[in-house]
N, C-alpha and C. Protein backbone atom coordinates (compact mmCIF):
# COMPACT_ATOMS: atom_id res chain seq x y z
N MET A 1 75.74 79.62 87.61
CA MET A 1 76.72 80.63 87.24
C MET A 1 77.60 80.69 88.49
N THR A 2 78.95 80.53 88.27
CA THR A 2 79.89 80.54 89.35
C THR A 2 80.69 81.80 89.17
N MET A 3 80.80 82.64 90.30
CA MET A 3 81.62 83.76 90.24
C MET A 3 82.94 83.49 91.03
N TYR A 4 84.05 83.82 90.45
CA TYR A 4 85.39 83.47 90.94
C TYR A 4 86.01 84.75 91.47
N PRO A 5 86.52 84.76 92.75
CA PRO A 5 87.23 85.86 93.17
C PRO A 5 88.69 85.79 92.54
N VAL A 6 89.41 86.91 92.51
CA VAL A 6 90.70 86.86 91.98
C VAL A 6 91.71 87.01 93.09
N ASN A 7 92.68 86.09 93.06
CA ASN A 7 93.80 86.10 94.10
C ASN A 7 94.99 85.48 93.60
N ALA A 8 96.15 85.63 94.15
CA ALA A 8 97.31 85.07 93.55
C ALA A 8 97.40 83.54 93.73
N ASN A 9 96.58 82.92 94.47
CA ASN A 9 96.60 81.41 94.67
C ASN A 9 95.34 80.74 94.01
N ASN A 10 94.61 81.45 93.13
CA ASN A 10 93.39 80.87 92.65
C ASN A 10 93.36 80.75 91.15
N VAL A 11 92.25 80.97 90.49
CA VAL A 11 91.92 80.61 89.21
C VAL A 11 92.74 81.53 88.13
N ASN A 12 93.39 82.58 88.52
CA ASN A 12 93.85 83.53 87.63
C ASN A 12 95.45 83.36 87.33
N GLY A 13 95.96 82.25 87.77
CA GLY A 13 97.37 81.99 87.51
C GLY A 13 98.34 82.83 88.13
N GLY A 14 97.97 83.38 89.37
CA GLY A 14 98.91 84.27 90.04
C GLY A 14 98.96 85.69 89.66
N MET A 15 98.00 86.19 88.87
CA MET A 15 97.97 87.52 88.37
C MET A 15 97.34 88.41 89.57
N THR A 16 97.77 89.70 89.67
CA THR A 16 97.25 90.57 90.66
C THR A 16 95.82 91.04 90.12
N VAL A 17 95.10 91.64 91.08
CA VAL A 17 93.80 92.23 90.68
C VAL A 17 94.01 93.28 89.70
N SER A 18 95.09 94.10 89.88
CA SER A 18 95.33 95.15 88.90
C SER A 18 95.62 94.72 87.48
N GLN A 19 96.31 93.63 87.42
CA GLN A 19 96.59 93.03 86.08
C GLN A 19 95.27 92.42 85.48
N VAL A 20 94.49 91.72 86.22
CA VAL A 20 93.27 91.18 85.69
C VAL A 20 92.38 92.40 85.32
N ALA A 21 92.23 93.38 86.10
CA ALA A 21 91.43 94.51 85.73
C ALA A 21 91.94 95.15 84.42
N GLY A 22 93.37 95.24 84.23
CA GLY A 22 93.90 95.80 83.07
C GLY A 22 93.52 94.95 81.86
N LEU A 23 93.59 93.67 81.90
CA LEU A 23 93.18 92.79 80.81
C LEU A 23 91.75 93.01 80.44
N MET A 24 90.83 93.07 81.46
CA MET A 24 89.46 93.29 81.18
C MET A 24 89.23 94.64 80.56
N ALA A 25 89.76 95.69 81.02
CA ALA A 25 89.64 97.02 80.58
C ALA A 25 90.15 97.11 79.08
N LEU A 26 91.33 96.48 78.84
CA LEU A 26 91.87 96.57 77.50
C LEU A 26 91.02 95.71 76.54
N SER A 27 90.34 94.59 77.01
CA SER A 27 89.41 93.88 76.19
C SER A 27 88.24 94.74 75.69
N ILE A 28 87.80 95.56 76.66
CA ILE A 28 86.65 96.47 76.35
C ILE A 28 87.22 97.60 75.38
N TYR A 29 88.43 98.08 75.67
CA TYR A 29 89.03 99.12 74.78
C TYR A 29 89.22 98.58 73.40
N LYS A 30 89.66 97.33 73.20
CA LYS A 30 89.81 96.75 71.84
C LYS A 30 88.61 96.85 70.95
N LYS A 31 87.50 96.66 71.56
CA LYS A 31 86.23 96.77 70.79
C LYS A 31 85.62 98.19 70.84
N ASN A 32 86.13 99.06 71.74
CA ASN A 32 85.59 100.43 71.91
C ASN A 32 86.80 101.35 72.04
N PRO A 33 87.47 101.61 70.87
CA PRO A 33 88.68 102.41 70.98
C PRO A 33 88.62 103.90 71.48
N HIS A 34 87.31 104.37 71.66
CA HIS A 34 87.18 105.65 72.25
C HIS A 34 87.08 105.65 73.83
N ALA A 35 87.11 104.44 74.38
CA ALA A 35 87.10 104.26 75.72
C ALA A 35 88.41 104.84 76.41
N LYS A 36 88.33 105.29 77.59
CA LYS A 36 89.58 105.79 78.32
C LYS A 36 90.00 104.70 79.27
N ILE A 37 91.30 104.45 79.26
CA ILE A 37 91.99 103.57 80.20
C ILE A 37 92.61 104.41 81.33
N ILE A 38 91.95 104.23 82.52
CA ILE A 38 92.46 105.02 83.77
C ILE A 38 92.68 103.99 84.92
N THR A 39 93.88 104.03 85.32
CA THR A 39 94.16 103.10 86.41
C THR A 39 94.24 103.86 87.70
N PHE A 40 94.00 103.29 88.83
CA PHE A 40 94.04 103.92 90.06
C PHE A 40 94.45 102.97 91.18
N ASP A 41 95.06 103.53 92.15
CA ASP A 41 95.36 102.92 93.44
C ASP A 41 95.12 104.07 94.50
N THR A 42 96.15 104.67 95.01
CA THR A 42 96.07 105.90 95.79
C THR A 42 96.26 107.11 94.90
N ALA A 43 96.66 106.91 93.69
CA ALA A 43 96.81 107.90 92.65
C ALA A 43 96.11 107.38 91.33
N VAL A 44 95.85 108.38 90.52
CA VAL A 44 95.21 108.09 89.20
C VAL A 44 96.15 108.33 88.05
N ARG A 45 96.23 107.42 87.08
CA ARG A 45 96.99 107.54 85.86
C ARG A 45 96.19 107.30 84.72
N ASP A 46 96.11 108.16 83.71
CA ASP A 46 95.44 108.10 82.44
C ASP A 46 96.36 107.52 81.35
N TYR A 47 96.15 106.29 81.02
CA TYR A 47 96.93 105.60 79.97
C TYR A 47 96.43 105.70 78.50
N THR A 48 95.32 106.42 78.36
CA THR A 48 94.63 106.34 77.11
C THR A 48 95.56 106.69 75.96
N SER A 49 96.37 107.76 76.13
CA SER A 49 97.21 108.22 75.01
C SER A 49 98.28 107.27 74.66
N SER A 50 98.64 106.37 75.55
CA SER A 50 99.75 105.42 75.26
C SER A 50 99.13 104.12 74.70
N MET A 51 97.85 103.99 74.60
CA MET A 51 97.24 102.76 74.03
C MET A 51 97.02 102.94 72.58
N ASN A 52 97.05 101.82 71.86
CA ASN A 52 96.75 101.65 70.42
C ASN A 52 95.81 100.53 70.26
N PRO A 53 94.49 100.85 69.70
CA PRO A 53 93.58 99.75 69.57
C PRO A 53 94.03 98.72 68.57
N ARG A 54 94.98 99.05 67.73
CA ARG A 54 95.37 98.05 66.73
C ARG A 54 96.45 97.05 67.32
N ASP A 55 96.99 97.49 68.41
CA ASP A 55 97.98 96.60 69.07
C ASP A 55 97.30 95.48 69.92
N SER A 56 98.03 94.48 70.17
CA SER A 56 97.33 93.28 70.97
C SER A 56 97.10 93.81 72.41
N ILE A 57 96.14 93.15 72.99
CA ILE A 57 95.85 93.40 74.40
C ILE A 57 97.10 93.26 75.35
N VAL A 58 97.86 92.25 75.07
CA VAL A 58 99.10 92.08 75.85
C VAL A 58 100.14 93.19 75.53
N THR A 59 100.23 93.62 74.40
CA THR A 59 101.21 94.79 74.09
C THR A 59 100.68 95.98 74.85
N ASN A 60 99.47 96.32 74.80
CA ASN A 60 98.88 97.51 75.51
C ASN A 60 99.03 97.29 77.03
N LEU A 61 98.86 96.05 77.55
CA LEU A 61 98.95 95.77 79.02
C LEU A 61 100.39 96.05 79.45
N ASN A 62 101.38 95.74 78.60
CA ASN A 62 102.72 96.09 79.02
C ASN A 62 103.03 97.45 79.12
N ARG A 63 102.23 98.31 78.62
CA ARG A 63 102.42 99.80 78.69
C ARG A 63 101.99 100.35 80.02
N ILE A 64 101.24 99.59 80.80
CA ILE A 64 100.67 100.06 82.01
C ILE A 64 101.62 99.67 83.23
N ASN A 65 101.84 100.71 84.03
CA ASN A 65 102.68 100.47 85.19
C ASN A 65 101.71 100.31 86.39
N PHE A 66 101.74 98.98 86.89
CA PHE A 66 100.83 98.72 88.02
C PHE A 66 101.61 98.95 89.31
N ASN A 67 101.21 99.97 90.04
CA ASN A 67 101.81 100.32 91.30
C ASN A 67 101.26 99.56 92.51
N GLY A 68 99.88 99.56 92.65
CA GLY A 68 99.24 98.98 93.74
C GLY A 68 99.45 99.74 95.07
N GLY A 69 99.12 99.14 96.16
CA GLY A 69 99.38 99.74 97.49
C GLY A 69 98.18 100.45 98.11
N GLY A 70 97.14 100.47 97.43
CA GLY A 70 95.93 101.09 98.08
C GLY A 70 94.77 101.11 96.99
N THR A 71 93.63 101.48 97.39
CA THR A 71 92.57 101.56 96.58
C THR A 71 91.65 102.79 96.89
N ASP A 72 91.59 103.75 95.92
CA ASP A 72 90.82 104.93 96.19
C ASP A 72 89.86 105.03 94.97
N CYS A 73 88.71 104.29 95.04
CA CYS A 73 87.78 104.29 94.03
C CYS A 73 87.26 105.74 93.68
N ALA A 74 87.12 106.63 94.68
CA ALA A 74 86.65 107.89 94.43
C ALA A 74 87.64 108.77 93.52
N ALA A 75 88.96 108.40 93.71
CA ALA A 75 89.90 109.14 92.83
C ALA A 75 89.66 108.97 91.37
N ALA A 76 89.21 107.83 90.90
CA ALA A 76 89.06 107.66 89.50
C ALA A 76 87.87 108.45 89.02
N VAL A 77 86.73 108.48 89.86
CA VAL A 77 85.58 109.26 89.51
C VAL A 77 85.89 110.81 89.55
N ASN A 78 86.65 111.17 90.47
CA ASN A 78 87.14 112.61 90.63
C ASN A 78 87.95 113.00 89.49
N HIS A 79 88.78 112.06 88.92
CA HIS A 79 89.63 112.40 87.72
C HIS A 79 88.72 112.74 86.57
N VAL A 80 87.70 111.90 86.42
CA VAL A 80 86.75 112.09 85.19
C VAL A 80 86.10 113.47 85.39
N LEU A 81 85.63 113.83 86.59
CA LEU A 81 85.02 115.14 86.83
C LEU A 81 86.08 116.34 86.66
N LYS A 82 87.17 116.12 87.21
CA LYS A 82 88.19 117.24 87.29
C LYS A 82 88.61 117.55 85.93
N ASN A 83 88.74 116.54 85.00
CA ASN A 83 89.21 116.67 83.65
C ASN A 83 87.98 116.79 82.67
N ASP A 84 86.88 116.99 83.22
CA ASP A 84 85.65 117.28 82.39
C ASP A 84 85.48 116.34 81.27
N MET A 85 85.64 115.01 81.54
CA MET A 85 85.51 113.96 80.57
C MET A 85 84.10 113.68 80.42
N PRO A 86 83.54 113.63 79.25
CA PRO A 86 82.13 113.13 79.03
C PRO A 86 82.08 111.68 79.53
N CYS A 87 81.07 111.44 80.24
CA CYS A 87 80.80 110.11 80.80
C CYS A 87 79.48 109.51 80.62
N ASP A 88 79.26 108.57 79.72
CA ASP A 88 77.98 108.00 79.65
C ASP A 88 78.03 106.47 80.31
N LEU A 89 79.24 106.00 80.32
CA LEU A 89 79.39 104.70 81.06
C LEU A 89 80.65 104.57 81.70
N MET A 90 80.73 104.30 82.94
CA MET A 90 81.94 104.13 83.69
C MET A 90 82.03 102.70 84.16
N ILE A 91 82.91 101.87 83.77
CA ILE A 91 83.20 100.53 84.30
C ILE A 91 84.37 100.55 85.18
N MET A 92 84.17 100.39 86.42
CA MET A 92 85.34 100.36 87.46
C MET A 92 85.48 98.90 87.87
N ILE A 93 86.76 98.43 87.56
CA ILE A 93 87.18 97.13 87.89
C ILE A 93 88.22 97.23 89.02
N SER A 94 87.89 96.62 90.14
CA SER A 94 88.68 96.87 91.33
C SER A 94 88.62 95.74 92.28
N ASP A 95 89.44 95.82 93.29
CA ASP A 95 89.25 94.89 94.52
C ASP A 95 88.23 95.57 95.43
N ASN A 96 87.87 96.81 95.16
CA ASN A 96 86.85 97.55 95.88
C ASN A 96 87.10 97.66 97.44
N MET A 97 88.38 97.60 97.69
CA MET A 97 88.79 97.81 99.15
C MET A 97 89.27 99.13 99.36
N ALA A 98 88.35 100.19 99.27
CA ALA A 98 88.70 101.58 99.13
C ALA A 98 88.91 102.23 100.45
N TRP A 99 89.86 101.76 101.19
CA TRP A 99 90.18 102.42 102.56
C TRP A 99 90.72 103.75 102.35
N ARG A 100 91.43 104.08 101.23
CA ARG A 100 92.21 105.19 101.07
C ARG A 100 91.33 106.53 101.09
N GLU A 101 90.10 106.35 100.48
CA GLU A 101 89.25 107.60 100.25
C GLU A 101 88.75 108.07 101.65
N TYR A 102 88.66 107.08 102.56
CA TYR A 102 88.24 107.38 103.96
C TYR A 102 89.33 108.02 104.77
N GLN A 103 90.56 107.57 104.50
CA GLN A 103 91.73 108.12 105.25
C GLN A 103 92.07 109.55 104.79
N SER A 104 91.88 109.76 103.48
CA SER A 104 92.27 111.08 102.91
C SER A 104 91.22 112.20 103.23
N GLY A 105 90.07 111.78 103.58
CA GLY A 105 88.96 112.69 103.81
C GLY A 105 88.37 113.33 102.57
N SER A 106 88.64 112.74 101.46
CA SER A 106 88.15 113.26 100.20
C SER A 106 86.62 112.88 100.08
N ARG A 107 86.03 113.47 99.10
CA ARG A 107 84.53 113.16 98.79
C ARG A 107 84.45 111.67 98.44
N SER A 108 83.35 111.11 98.88
CA SER A 108 83.11 109.71 98.61
C SER A 108 82.86 109.40 97.08
N THR A 109 82.94 108.12 96.75
CA THR A 109 82.59 107.72 95.41
C THR A 109 81.21 108.12 95.22
N LYS A 110 80.18 107.86 96.18
CA LYS A 110 78.81 108.11 95.95
C LYS A 110 78.67 109.70 95.58
N GLN A 111 79.15 110.49 96.44
CA GLN A 111 79.10 111.99 96.19
C GLN A 111 79.60 112.38 94.81
N LEU A 112 80.70 111.77 94.42
CA LEU A 112 81.26 112.18 93.09
C LEU A 112 80.37 111.62 91.94
N TRP A 113 79.86 110.37 92.06
CA TRP A 113 78.98 109.79 91.03
C TRP A 113 77.75 110.57 90.92
N ASP A 114 77.16 111.05 92.09
CA ASP A 114 75.99 111.96 92.07
C ASP A 114 76.32 113.19 91.18
N GLU A 115 77.55 113.67 91.25
CA GLU A 115 77.92 114.87 90.47
C GLU A 115 77.97 114.41 88.99
N VAL A 116 78.49 113.27 88.67
CA VAL A 116 78.48 112.85 87.28
C VAL A 116 77.11 112.81 86.73
N LEU A 117 76.21 112.26 87.61
CA LEU A 117 74.78 112.15 87.15
C LEU A 117 74.10 113.51 86.87
N ARG A 118 74.50 114.55 87.65
CA ARG A 118 74.05 115.81 87.45
C ARG A 118 74.42 116.41 86.08
N LYS A 119 75.60 115.95 85.55
CA LYS A 119 76.09 116.34 84.25
C LYS A 119 75.43 115.48 83.15
N ASN A 120 75.15 114.30 83.46
CA ASN A 120 74.56 113.39 82.41
C ASN A 120 73.67 112.46 83.16
N LYS A 121 72.36 112.77 83.18
CA LYS A 121 71.37 111.90 83.86
C LYS A 121 71.26 110.50 83.28
N GLN A 122 71.75 110.26 82.14
CA GLN A 122 71.69 108.92 81.57
C GLN A 122 72.88 108.08 81.86
N ALA A 123 73.84 108.62 82.55
CA ALA A 123 75.09 107.90 82.81
C ALA A 123 74.88 106.63 83.62
N LYS A 124 75.75 105.62 83.32
CA LYS A 124 75.67 104.35 83.96
C LYS A 124 76.98 104.00 84.62
N PHE A 125 76.99 103.30 85.70
CA PHE A 125 78.25 102.97 86.48
C PHE A 125 78.22 101.48 86.81
N VAL A 126 79.14 100.72 86.26
CA VAL A 126 79.28 99.26 86.54
C VAL A 126 80.42 99.13 87.56
N MET A 127 80.20 98.66 88.72
CA MET A 127 81.25 98.37 89.68
C MET A 127 81.47 96.83 89.67
N LEU A 128 82.64 96.50 89.05
CA LEU A 128 82.95 95.11 89.06
C LEU A 128 84.11 94.93 90.13
N ASP A 129 83.67 94.19 91.15
CA ASP A 129 84.50 93.91 92.30
C ASP A 129 85.09 92.51 92.17
N LEU A 130 86.32 92.49 91.77
CA LEU A 130 87.06 91.19 91.60
C LEU A 130 87.27 90.41 92.89
N GLN A 131 87.32 91.03 93.96
CA GLN A 131 87.47 90.39 95.24
C GLN A 131 86.25 90.88 96.20
N HIS A 132 85.22 90.35 95.78
CA HIS A 132 83.91 90.79 96.49
C HIS A 132 83.98 90.56 97.99
N GLY A 133 83.44 91.46 98.70
CA GLY A 133 83.27 91.26 100.16
C GLY A 133 81.89 91.88 100.63
N MET A 134 81.85 92.45 101.74
CA MET A 134 80.62 92.76 102.37
C MET A 134 80.23 94.25 102.12
N THR A 135 81.26 95.03 101.61
CA THR A 135 81.00 96.47 101.47
C THR A 135 81.16 96.92 100.04
N SER A 136 80.63 98.13 99.73
CA SER A 136 80.82 98.70 98.43
C SER A 136 80.97 100.21 98.62
N GLN A 137 81.56 100.80 97.67
CA GLN A 137 81.80 102.27 97.87
C GLN A 137 80.61 103.04 97.28
N GLN A 138 79.72 102.39 96.54
CA GLN A 138 78.58 103.04 95.83
C GLN A 138 77.33 102.27 96.19
N PRO A 139 76.34 102.89 96.87
CA PRO A 139 75.09 102.15 97.07
C PRO A 139 74.39 101.85 95.82
N GLN A 140 73.58 100.76 95.87
CA GLN A 140 72.84 100.37 94.69
C GLN A 140 71.75 101.50 94.36
N GLN A 141 71.78 101.75 93.09
CA GLN A 141 70.67 102.70 92.57
C GLN A 141 70.49 102.39 91.12
N LYS A 142 69.53 103.03 90.52
CA LYS A 142 69.10 102.68 89.17
C LYS A 142 70.34 102.81 88.18
N SER A 143 71.23 103.77 88.33
CA SER A 143 72.40 103.99 87.44
C SER A 143 73.61 103.12 87.79
N VAL A 144 73.47 102.26 88.82
CA VAL A 144 74.71 101.49 89.24
C VAL A 144 74.42 100.05 89.24
N LEU A 145 75.30 99.23 88.64
CA LEU A 145 75.30 97.79 88.68
C LEU A 145 76.47 97.24 89.42
N HIS A 146 76.24 96.51 90.46
CA HIS A 146 77.26 95.91 91.23
C HIS A 146 77.48 94.51 90.76
N VAL A 147 78.75 94.08 90.51
CA VAL A 147 79.07 92.73 90.19
C VAL A 147 80.19 92.21 91.07
N GLY A 148 80.10 91.06 91.60
CA GLY A 148 81.17 90.49 92.50
C GLY A 148 81.71 89.31 91.82
N GLY A 149 83.08 89.35 91.55
CA GLY A 149 83.70 88.10 90.87
C GLY A 149 83.64 88.18 89.40
N PHE A 150 83.85 87.01 88.76
CA PHE A 150 83.87 86.97 87.36
C PHE A 150 83.14 85.66 86.85
N THR A 151 82.49 85.75 85.72
CA THR A 151 81.91 84.64 85.06
C THR A 151 81.84 84.90 83.58
N ASP A 152 81.70 83.77 82.77
CA ASP A 152 81.84 83.94 81.39
C ASP A 152 80.59 84.78 80.87
N SER A 153 79.52 84.82 81.60
CA SER A 153 78.41 85.58 81.17
C SER A 153 78.34 87.01 81.72
N LEU A 154 79.51 87.55 82.19
CA LEU A 154 79.58 88.83 82.71
C LEU A 154 79.23 89.91 81.70
N PHE A 155 79.89 89.76 80.56
CA PHE A 155 79.66 90.90 79.58
C PHE A 155 78.27 90.87 78.99
N THR A 156 77.66 89.72 78.94
CA THR A 156 76.25 89.60 78.51
C THR A 156 75.34 90.21 79.58
N LEU A 157 75.63 89.99 80.85
CA LEU A 157 74.83 90.60 81.92
C LEU A 157 74.94 92.11 81.87
N ILE A 158 76.12 92.68 81.65
CA ILE A 158 76.35 94.09 81.58
C ILE A 158 75.56 94.66 80.37
N TYR A 159 75.79 94.02 79.30
CA TYR A 159 75.08 94.39 78.01
C TYR A 159 73.51 94.50 78.23
N ASP A 160 72.98 93.46 78.83
CA ASP A 160 71.51 93.38 79.08
C ASP A 160 71.12 94.52 80.02
N TRP A 161 71.90 94.72 81.07
CA TRP A 161 71.62 95.90 82.00
C TRP A 161 71.61 97.27 81.36
N LEU A 162 72.66 97.45 80.54
CA LEU A 162 72.82 98.68 79.84
C LEU A 162 71.63 98.91 78.84
N ASN A 163 71.13 97.86 78.34
CA ASN A 163 70.04 98.02 77.40
C ASN A 163 68.69 97.77 78.10
N ASN A 164 68.66 97.92 79.35
CA ASN A 164 67.47 98.02 80.14
C ASN A 164 66.52 96.76 80.01
N ASP A 165 67.12 95.63 79.88
CA ASP A 165 66.38 94.37 79.86
C ASP A 165 65.84 94.09 81.33
N PRO A 166 64.49 94.33 81.42
CA PRO A 166 63.88 94.22 82.77
C PRO A 166 63.89 92.84 83.35
N ASN A 167 64.22 91.82 82.48
CA ASN A 167 64.24 90.49 82.95
C ASN A 167 65.60 90.01 83.45
N ARG A 168 66.64 90.96 83.31
CA ARG A 168 67.99 90.48 83.79
C ARG A 168 68.56 91.56 84.66
N ASN A 169 69.00 91.02 85.78
CA ASN A 169 69.82 91.82 86.73
C ASN A 169 70.62 90.87 87.56
N PHE A 170 71.57 91.31 88.20
CA PHE A 170 72.56 90.43 88.81
C PHE A 170 71.87 89.54 89.92
N VAL A 171 70.99 90.19 90.73
CA VAL A 171 70.37 89.46 91.80
C VAL A 171 69.49 88.27 91.16
N GLN A 172 68.73 88.56 90.06
CA GLN A 172 67.94 87.53 89.41
C GLN A 172 68.87 86.38 88.92
N GLU A 173 70.01 86.79 88.36
CA GLU A 173 70.89 85.72 87.87
C GLU A 173 71.44 84.87 88.97
N VAL A 174 71.78 85.43 90.16
CA VAL A 174 72.20 84.64 91.21
C VAL A 174 71.02 83.71 91.77
N MET A 175 69.81 84.29 91.82
CA MET A 175 68.77 83.47 92.34
C MET A 175 68.45 82.31 91.36
N LYS A 176 68.71 82.47 90.07
CA LYS A 176 68.49 81.31 89.20
C LYS A 176 69.35 80.09 89.65
N VAL A 177 70.59 80.40 90.09
CA VAL A 177 71.51 79.39 90.49
C VAL A 177 71.14 78.84 91.86
N LEU A 178 70.63 79.59 92.73
CA LEU A 178 70.27 79.22 94.08
C LEU A 178 68.89 78.50 94.20
N GLU A 179 67.95 78.88 93.28
CA GLU A 179 66.70 78.23 93.38
C GLU A 179 66.77 76.67 92.98
N PRO A 180 66.10 75.84 93.63
CA PRO A 180 66.10 74.41 93.24
C PRO A 180 65.36 74.22 91.95
N GLU A 181 65.82 73.19 91.16
CA GLU A 181 65.12 72.88 89.89
C GLU A 181 63.79 72.24 90.32
N PRO A 182 62.65 72.48 89.54
CA PRO A 182 61.43 71.75 89.79
C PRO A 182 61.64 70.36 89.61
N ALA A 183 60.91 69.57 90.45
CA ALA A 183 60.98 68.06 90.43
C ALA A 183 60.36 67.59 89.11
N GLN A 184 61.06 66.59 88.52
CA GLN A 184 60.61 65.99 87.27
C GLN A 184 59.56 64.94 87.57
N VAL A 185 58.43 64.97 86.93
CA VAL A 185 57.36 64.06 87.20
C VAL A 185 57.34 62.91 86.14
């Protein structure tokens, strides 16, 4: 399994992280029309009311104004809480370079996610980091799945994790690739 980072000079044809995240979010929305489409950088914008699940993904993508300029992962979680949105699954697709939440002095992604869990103990959080690095805004815990990069099996991995398949998690999938094959006799 190869995970590809997203950048303007790589496998994505020059798309920004925001555009790739939008395509992925709208792919999920196409099959789950009750999902919310919320974009964030240093501000949060809820595009759900301007989306139509019967329209093409590209048509819906053109309705989103991608500003960029910063990443505040906590702002998206705070938006869900502030607007009292029921949340059983949050999939955050980001470059995960959340410097803004630390500059603004706002509550951290972890603090806000803990508040979501107080409201719904069964809630799950998938943090898909399209430009994975050495840090994350949310420590690993039972309700959180971290994924760095993209692969064709990404949605299968998320599905298995959501359905509590004890034989599948991201680390195990990576180890399958790293472990040498047994010698043929």
